[in-house]
Structure formats: C-alpha cells, structure tokens
Amino acid sequence: GYWPIPSDWFWFQAQDRAMGAVAVRSSANDL
C-alpha cells in the first residue's frame, strides 16, 4: 500500500540541501 512519509524523514533535508533544483513547495492557488 502507501507509505505516508514522516515529516522528519532524512530525504526532506536532502532535497532542501539541493535548494534550487527541487526544494520549492507550493499550492494550486499560488501556482
């Protein structure tokens, strides 16, 4: 089934460290 990813999973830090490659979060209204 699905694995809801915990908010403290290390991969979020890995993506934040990539910064302008992958790190933006947004919504439909903002987009």
ModelCIF file with pLDDT and N, C-alpha, C, O atoms, coordinates in Angstrom:
data_MODEL
#
_entry.id   MODEL 
#
_entity.id                         1 
_entity.type                       polymer 
_entity.pdbx_number_of_molecules   1 
#
_entity_poly.entity_id                      1 
_entity_poly.type                           'polypeptide(L)' 
_entity_poly.nstd_linkage                   no 
_entity_poly.nstd_monomer                   no 
_entity_poly.pdbx_seq_one_letter_code       GYWPIPSDWFWFQAQDRAMGAVAVRSSANDL 
_entity_poly.pdbx_seq_one_letter_code_can   GYWPIPSDWFWFQAQDRAMGAVAVRSSANDL 
_entity_poly.pdbx_strand_id                 A 
#
loop_
_entity_poly_seq.entity_id 
_entity_poly_seq.num 
_entity_poly_seq.mon_id 
_entity_poly_seq.hetero 
1 1  GLY n 
1 2  TYR n 
1 3  TRP n 
1 4  PRO n 
1 5  ILE n 
1 6  PRO n 
1 7  SER n 
1 8  ASP n 
1 9  TRP n 
1 10 PHE n 
1 11 TRP n 
1 12 PHE n 
1 13 GLN n 
1 14 ALA n 
1 15 GLN n 
1 16 ASP n 
1 17 ARG n 
1 18 ALA n 
1 19 MET n 
1 20 GLY n 
1 21 ALA n 
1 22 VAL n 
1 23 ALA n 
1 24 VAL n 
1 25 ARG n 
1 26 SER n 
1 27 SER n 
1 28 ALA n 
1 29 ASN n 
1 30 ASP n 
1 31 LEU n 
#
_struct_asym.id          A 
_struct_asym.entity_id   1 
#
loop_
_ma_qa_metric.id 
_ma_qa_metric.mode 
_ma_qa_metric.name 
_ma_qa_metric.software_group_id 
_ma_qa_metric.type 
1 global pLDDT . pLDDT 
2 local  pLDDT . pLDDT 
#
_ma_qa_metric_global.metric_id      1 
_ma_qa_metric_global.metric_value   94.32 
_ma_qa_metric_global.model_id       1 
_ma_qa_metric_global.ordinal_id     1 
#
loop_
_ma_qa_metric_local.label_asym_id 
_ma_qa_metric_local.label_comp_id 
_ma_qa_metric_local.label_seq_id 
_ma_qa_metric_local.metric_id 
_ma_qa_metric_local.metric_value 
_ma_qa_metric_local.model_id 
_ma_qa_metric_local.ordinal_id 
A GLY 1  2 84.00 1 1  
A TYR 2  2 89.00 1 2  
A TRP 3  2 90.00 1 3  
A PRO 4  2 93.00 1 4  
A ILE 5  2 93.00 1 5  
A PRO 6  2 93.00 1 6  
A SER 7  2 93.00 1 7  
A ASP 8  2 93.00 1 8  
A TRP 9  2 92.00 1 9  
A PHE 10 2 90.00 1 10 
A TRP 11 2 89.00 1 11 
A PHE 12 2 93.00 1 12 
A GLN 13 2 93.00 1 13 
A ALA 14 2 92.00 1 14 
A GLN 15 2 92.00 1 15 
A ASP 16 2 95.00 1 16 
A ARG 17 2 96.00 1 17 
A ALA 18 2 96.00 1 18 
A MET 19 2 97.00 1 19 
A GLY 20 2 97.00 1 20 
A ALA 21 2 97.00 1 21 
A VAL 22 2 96.00 1 22 
A ALA 23 2 97.00 1 23 
A VAL 24 2 98.00 1 24 
A ARG 25 2 98.00 1 25 
A SER 26 2 98.00 1 26 
A SER 27 2 98.00 1 27 
A ALA 28 2 98.00 1 28 
A ASN 29 2 98.00 1 29 
A ASP 30 2 98.00 1 30 
A LEU 31 2 98.00 1 31 
#
loop_
_atom_site.group_PDB 
_atom_site.id 
_atom_site.type_symbol 
_atom_site.label_atom_id 
_atom_site.label_alt_id 
_atom_site.label_comp_id 
_atom_site.label_asym_id 
_atom_site.label_entity_id 
_atom_site.label_seq_id 
_atom_site.pdbx_PDB_ins_code 
_atom_site.Cartn_x 
_atom_site.Cartn_y 
_atom_site.Cartn_z 
_atom_site.occupancy 
_atom_site.B_iso_or_equiv 
_atom_site.pdbx_formal_charge 
_atom_site.auth_seq_id 
_atom_site.auth_comp_id 
_atom_site.auth_asym_id 
_atom_site.auth_atom_id 
_atom_site.pdbx_PDB_model_num 
ATOM 1   N N  . GLY A 1 1  ? 0.828  -1.201 0.000   1.00 84.00 ? 1  GLY A N  1 
ATOM 2   C CA . GLY A 1 1  ? 0.000  0.000  0.000   1.00 84.00 ? 1  GLY A CA 1 
ATOM 3   C C  . GLY A 1 1  ? 0.861  1.249  0.000   1.00 84.00 ? 1  GLY A C  1 
ATOM 4   O O  . GLY A 1 1  ? 1.989  1.233  -0.493  1.00 84.00 ? 1  GLY A O  1 
ATOM 5   N N  . TYR A 1 2  ? 0.332  2.332  0.552   1.00 89.00 ? 2  TYR A N  1 
ATOM 6   C CA . TYR A 1 2  ? 1.053  3.605  0.596   1.00 89.00 ? 2  TYR A CA 1 
ATOM 7   C C  . TYR A 1 2  ? 1.860  3.713  1.885   1.00 89.00 ? 2  TYR A C  1 
ATOM 8   O O  . TYR A 1 2  ? 1.454  3.223  2.938   1.00 89.00 ? 2  TYR A O  1 
ATOM 9   N N  . TRP A 1 3  ? 3.013  4.368  1.774   1.00 90.00 ? 3  TRP A N  1 
ATOM 10  C CA . TRP A 1 3  ? 3.772  4.746  2.956   1.00 90.00 ? 3  TRP A CA 1 
ATOM 11  C C  . TRP A 1 3  ? 3.743  6.262  3.060   1.00 90.00 ? 3  TRP A C  1 
ATOM 12  O O  . TRP A 1 3  ? 4.478  6.932  2.336   1.00 90.00 ? 3  TRP A O  1 
ATOM 13  N N  . PRO A 1 4  ? 2.904  6.835  3.954   1.00 93.00 ? 4  PRO A N  1 
ATOM 14  C CA . PRO A 1 4  ? 2.946  8.282  4.160   1.00 93.00 ? 4  PRO A CA 1 
ATOM 15  C C  . PRO A 1 4  ? 4.292  8.658  4.782   1.00 93.00 ? 4  PRO A C  1 
ATOM 16  O O  . PRO A 1 4  ? 4.638  8.169  5.858   1.00 93.00 ? 4  PRO A O  1 
ATOM 17  N N  . ILE A 1 5  ? 5.035  9.509  4.118   1.00 93.00 ? 5  ILE A N  1 
ATOM 18  C CA . ILE A 1 5  ? 6.404  9.813  4.534   1.00 93.00 ? 5  ILE A CA 1 
ATOM 19  C C  . ILE A 1 5  ? 6.384  10.717 5.770   1.00 93.00 ? 5  ILE A C  1 
ATOM 20  O O  . ILE A 1 5  ? 5.738  11.765 5.750   1.00 93.00 ? 5  ILE A O  1 
ATOM 21  N N  . PRO A 1 6  ? 7.076  10.330 6.837   1.00 93.00 ? 6  PRO A N  1 
ATOM 22  C CA . PRO A 1 6  ? 7.122  11.183 8.037   1.00 93.00 ? 6  PRO A CA 1 
ATOM 23  C C  . PRO A 1 6  ? 7.769  12.536 7.723   1.00 93.00 ? 6  PRO A C  1 
ATOM 24  O O  . PRO A 1 6  ? 8.663  12.629 6.882   1.00 93.00 ? 6  PRO A O  1 
ATOM 25  N N  . SER A 1 7  ? 7.308  13.571 8.407   1.00 93.00 ? 7  SER A N  1 
ATOM 26  C CA . SER A 1 7  ? 7.813  14.921 8.122   1.00 93.00 ? 7  SER A CA 1 
ATOM 27  C C  . SER A 1 7  ? 9.271  15.086 8.505   1.00 93.00 ? 7  SER A C  1 
ATOM 28  O O  . SER A 1 7  ? 9.917  16.023 8.037   1.00 93.00 ? 7  SER A O  1 
ATOM 29  N N  . ASP A 1 8  ? 9.815  14.204 9.345   1.00 93.00 ? 8  ASP A N  1 
ATOM 30  C CA . ASP A 1 8  ? 11.222 14.311 9.733   1.00 93.00 ? 8  ASP A CA 1 
ATOM 31  C C  . ASP A 1 8  ? 12.118 13.332 8.970   1.00 93.00 ? 8  ASP A C  1 
ATOM 32  O O  . ASP A 1 8  ? 13.271 13.132 9.352   1.00 93.00 ? 8  ASP A O  1 
ATOM 33  N N  . TRP A 1 9  ? 11.609 12.725 7.909   1.00 92.00 ? 9  TRP A N  1 
ATOM 34  C CA . TRP A 1 9  ? 12.421 11.781 7.144   1.00 92.00 ? 9  TRP A CA 1 
ATOM 35  C C  . TRP A 1 9  ? 13.621 12.502 6.538   1.00 92.00 ? 9  TRP A C  1 
ATOM 36  O O  . TRP A 1 9  ? 13.512 13.652 6.112   1.00 92.00 ? 9  TRP A O  1 
ATOM 37  N N  . PHE A 1 10 ? 14.769 11.819 6.503   1.00 90.00 ? 10 PHE A N  1 
ATOM 38  C CA . PHE A 1 10 ? 16.013 12.472 6.102   1.00 90.00 ? 10 PHE A CA 1 
ATOM 39  C C  . PHE A 1 10 ? 15.959 13.013 4.685   1.00 90.00 ? 10 PHE A C  1 
ATOM 40  O O  . PHE A 1 10 ? 16.680 13.955 4.358   1.00 90.00 ? 10 PHE A O  1 
ATOM 41  N N  . TRP A 1 11 ? 15.099 12.421 3.818   1.00 89.00 ? 11 TRP A N  1 
ATOM 42  C CA . TRP A 1 11 ? 15.109 12.831 2.415   1.00 89.00 ? 11 TRP A CA 1 
ATOM 43  C C  . TRP A 1 11 ? 14.676 14.284 2.250   1.00 89.00 ? 11 TRP A C  1 
ATOM 44  O O  . TRP A 1 11 ? 15.106 14.946 1.305   1.00 89.00 ? 11 TRP A O  1 
ATOM 45  N N  . PHE A 1 12 ? 13.836 14.793 3.149   1.00 93.00 ? 12 PHE A N  1 
ATOM 46  C CA . PHE A 1 12 ? 13.447 16.192 3.051   1.00 93.00 ? 12 PHE A CA 1 
ATOM 47  C C  . PHE A 1 12 ? 14.663 17.096 3.249   1.00 93.00 ? 12 PHE A C  1 
ATOM 48  O O  . PHE A 1 12 ? 14.809 18.105 2.560   1.00 93.00 ? 12 PHE A O  1 
ATOM 49  N N  . GLN A 1 13 ? 15.522 16.736 4.177   1.00 93.00 ? 13 GLN A N  1 
ATOM 50  C CA . GLN A 1 13 ? 16.747 17.508 4.362   1.00 93.00 ? 13 GLN A CA 1 
ATOM 51  C C  . GLN A 1 13 ? 17.626 17.406 3.122   1.00 93.00 ? 13 GLN A C  1 
ATOM 52  O O  . GLN A 1 13 ? 18.232 18.396 2.711   1.00 93.00 ? 13 GLN A O  1 
ATOM 53  N N  . ALA A 1 14 ? 17.701 16.216 2.518   1.00 92.00 ? 14 ALA A N  1 
ATOM 54  C CA . ALA A 1 14 ? 18.499 16.040 1.310   1.00 92.00 ? 14 ALA A CA 1 
ATOM 55  C C  . ALA A 1 14 ? 17.978 16.926 0.189   1.00 92.00 ? 14 ALA A C  1 
ATOM 56  O O  . ALA A 1 14 ? 18.767 17.522 -0.544  1.00 92.00 ? 14 ALA A O  1 
ATOM 57  N N  . GLN A 1 15 ? 16.650 17.023 0.045   1.00 92.00 ? 15 GLN A N  1 
ATOM 58  C CA . GLN A 1 15 ? 16.087 17.870 -1.008  1.00 92.00 ? 15 GLN A CA 1 
ATOM 59  C C  . GLN A 1 15 ? 16.274 19.344 -0.687  1.00 92.00 ? 15 GLN A C  1 
ATOM 60  O O  . GLN A 1 15 ? 16.518 20.141 -1.593  1.00 92.00 ? 15 GLN A O  1 
ATOM 61  N N  . ASP A 1 16 ? 16.165 19.723 0.574   1.00 95.00 ? 16 ASP A N  1 
ATOM 62  C CA . ASP A 1 16 ? 16.414 21.112 0.947   1.00 95.00 ? 16 ASP A CA 1 
ATOM 63  C C  . ASP A 1 16 ? 17.856 21.509 0.628   1.00 95.00 ? 16 ASP A C  1 
ATOM 64  O O  . ASP A 1 16 ? 18.118 22.641 0.223   1.00 95.00 ? 16 ASP A O  1 
ATOM 65  N N  . ARG A 1 17 ? 18.778 20.580 0.811   1.00 96.00 ? 17 ARG A N  1 
ATOM 66  C CA . ARG A 1 17 ? 20.181 20.882 0.518   1.00 96.00 ? 17 ARG A CA 1 
ATOM 67  C C  . ARG A 1 17 ? 20.424 21.044 -0.978  1.00 96.00 ? 17 ARG A C  1 
ATOM 68  O O  . ARG A 1 17 ? 21.392 21.686 -1.385  1.00 96.00 ? 17 ARG A O  1 
ATOM 69  N N  . ALA A 1 18 ? 19.556 20.469 -1.792  1.00 96.00 ? 18 ALA A N  1 
ATOM 70  C CA . ALA A 1 18 ? 19.647 20.678 -3.244  1.00 96.00 ? 18 ALA A CA 1 
ATOM 71  C C  . ALA A 1 18 ? 19.078 22.029 -3.657  1.00 96.00 ? 18 ALA A C  1 
ATOM 72  O O  . ALA A 1 18 ? 19.315 22.480 -4.778  1.00 96.00 ? 18 ALA A O  1 
ATOM 73  N N  . MET A 1 19 ? 18.343 22.671 -2.784  1.00 97.00 ? 19 MET A N  1 
ATOM 74  C CA . MET A 1 19 ? 17.813 24.028 -2.940  1.00 97.00 ? 19 MET A CA 1 
ATOM 75  C C  . MET A 1 19 ? 17.101 24.225 -4.279  1.00 97.00 ? 19 MET A C  1 
ATOM 76  O O  . MET A 1 19 ? 16.042 23.642 -4.513  1.00 97.00 ? 19 MET A O  1 
ATOM 77  N N  . GLY A 1 20 ? 17.677 25.038 -5.146  1.00 97.00 ? 20 GLY A N  1 
ATOM 78  C CA . GLY A 1 20 ? 17.008 25.451 -6.374  1.00 97.00 ? 20 GLY A CA 1 
ATOM 79  C C  . GLY A 1 20 ? 16.811 24.371 -7.406  1.00 97.00 ? 20 GLY A C  1 
ATOM 80  O O  . GLY A 1 20 ? 16.263 24.635 -8.476  1.00 97.00 ? 20 GLY A O  1 
ATOM 81  N N  . ALA A 1 21 ? 17.245 23.157 -7.112  1.00 97.00 ? 21 ALA A N  1 
ATOM 82  C CA . ALA A 1 21 ? 16.990 22.041 -8.022  1.00 97.00 ? 21 ALA A CA 1 
ATOM 83  C C  . ALA A 1 21 ? 15.618 21.435 -7.791  1.00 97.00 ? 21 ALA A C  1 
ATOM 84  O O  . ALA A 1 21 ? 14.954 21.033 -8.747  1.00 97.00 ? 21 ALA A O  1 
ATOM 85  N N  . VAL A 1 22 ? 15.169 21.359 -6.513  1.00 96.00 ? 22 VAL A N  1 
ATOM 86  C CA . VAL A 1 22 ? 13.963 20.568 -6.227  1.00 96.00 ? 22 VAL A CA 1 
ATOM 87  C C  . VAL A 1 22 ? 13.124 21.045 -5.048  1.00 96.00 ? 22 VAL A C  1 
ATOM 88  O O  . VAL A 1 22 ? 12.073 20.451 -4.810  1.00 96.00 ? 22 VAL A O  1 
ATOM 89  N N  . ALA A 1 23 ? 13.506 22.069 -4.294  1.00 97.00 ? 23 ALA A N  1 
ATOM 90  C CA . ALA A 1 23 ? 13.017 22.265 -2.933  1.00 97.00 ? 23 ALA A CA 1 
ATOM 91  C C  . ALA A 1 23 ? 11.754 23.099 -2.776  1.00 97.00 ? 23 ALA A C  1 
ATOM 92  O O  . ALA A 1 23 ? 11.246 23.177 -1.658  1.00 97.00 ? 23 ALA A O  1 
ATOM 93  N N  . VAL A 1 24 ? 11.212 23.726 -3.813  1.00 98.00 ? 24 VAL A N  1 
ATOM 94  C CA . VAL A 1 24 ? 10.057 24.605 -3.637  1.00 98.00 ? 24 VAL A CA 1 
ATOM 95  C C  . VAL A 1 24 ? 8.798  23.798 -3.336  1.00 98.00 ? 24 VAL A C  1 
ATOM 96  O O  . VAL A 1 24 ? 8.563  22.743 -3.925  1.00 98.00 ? 24 VAL A O  1 
ATOM 97  N N  . ARG A 1 25 ? 7.994  24.314 -2.406  1.00 98.00 ? 25 ARG A N  1 
ATOM 98  C CA . ARG A 1 25 ? 6.658  23.793 -2.112  1.00 98.00 ? 25 ARG A CA 1 
ATOM 99  C C  . ARG A 1 25 ? 5.651  24.876 -2.490  1.00 98.00 ? 25 ARG A C  1 
ATOM 100 O O  . ARG A 1 25 ? 5.903  26.059 -2.263  1.00 98.00 ? 25 ARG A O  1 
ATOM 101 N N  . SER A 1 26 ? 4.510  24.483 -3.066  1.00 98.00 ? 26 SER A N  1 
ATOM 102 C CA . SER A 1 26 ? 3.524  25.469 -3.467  1.00 98.00 ? 26 SER A CA 1 
ATOM 103 C C  . SER A 1 26 ? 2.145  24.824 -3.546  1.00 98.00 ? 26 SER A C  1 
ATOM 104 O O  . SER A 1 26 ? 1.994  23.619 -3.341  1.00 98.00 ? 26 SER A O  1 
ATOM 105 N N  . SER A 1 27 ? 1.145  25.644 -3.846  1.00 98.00 ? 27 SER A N  1 
ATOM 106 C CA . SER A 1 27 ? -0.247 25.209 -3.929  1.00 98.00 ? 27 SER A CA 1 
ATOM 107 C C  . SER A 1 27 ? -0.827 25.571 -5.287  1.00 98.00 ? 27 SER A C  1 
ATOM 108 O O  . SER A 1 27 ? -0.206 26.307 -6.054  1.00 98.00 ? 27 SER A O  1 
ATOM 109 N N  . ALA A 1 28 ? -2.009 25.058 -5.585  1.00 98.00 ? 28 ALA A N  1 
ATOM 110 C CA . ALA A 1 28 ? -2.660 25.390 -6.848  1.00 98.00 ? 28 ALA A CA 1 
ATOM 111 C C  . ALA A 1 28 ? -2.931 26.890 -6.943  1.00 98.00 ? 28 ALA A C  1 
ATOM 112 O O  . ALA A 1 28 ? -2.687 27.500 -7.983  1.00 98.00 ? 28 ALA A O  1 
ATOM 113 N N  . ASN A 1 29 ? -3.434 27.483 -5.864  1.00 98.00 ? 29 ASN A N  1 
ATOM 114 C CA . ASN A 1 29 ? -3.721 28.914 -5.916  1.00 98.00 ? 29 ASN A CA 1 
ATOM 115 C C  . ASN A 1 29 ? -2.456 29.743 -6.113  1.00 98.00 ? 29 ASN A C  1 
ATOM 116 O O  . ASN A 1 29 ? -2.452 30.691 -6.898  1.00 98.00 ? 29 ASN A O  1 
ATOM 117 N N  . ASP A 1 30 ? -1.391 29.393 -5.411  1.00 98.00 ? 30 ASP A N  1 
ATOM 118 C CA . ASP A 1 30 ? -0.138 30.130 -5.595  1.00 98.00 ? 30 ASP A CA 1 
ATOM 119 C C  . ASP A 1 30 ? 0.411  29.933 -7.001  1.00 98.00 ? 30 ASP A C  1 
ATOM 120 O O  . ASP A 1 30 ? 0.918  30.880 -7.602  1.00 98.00 ? 30 ASP A O  1 
ATOM 121 N N  . LEU A 1 31 ? 0.317  28.717 -7.534  1.00 98.00 ? 31 LEU A N  1 
ATOM 122 C CA . LEU A 1 31 ? 0.830  28.469 -8.877  1.00 98.00 ? 31 LEU A CA 1 
ATOM 123 C C  . LEU A 1 31 ? 0.008  29.191 -9.937  1.00 98.00 ? 31 LEU A C  1 
ATOM 124 O O  . LEU A 1 31 ? 0.307  29.087 -11.126 1.00 98.00 ? 31 LEU A O  1 
#
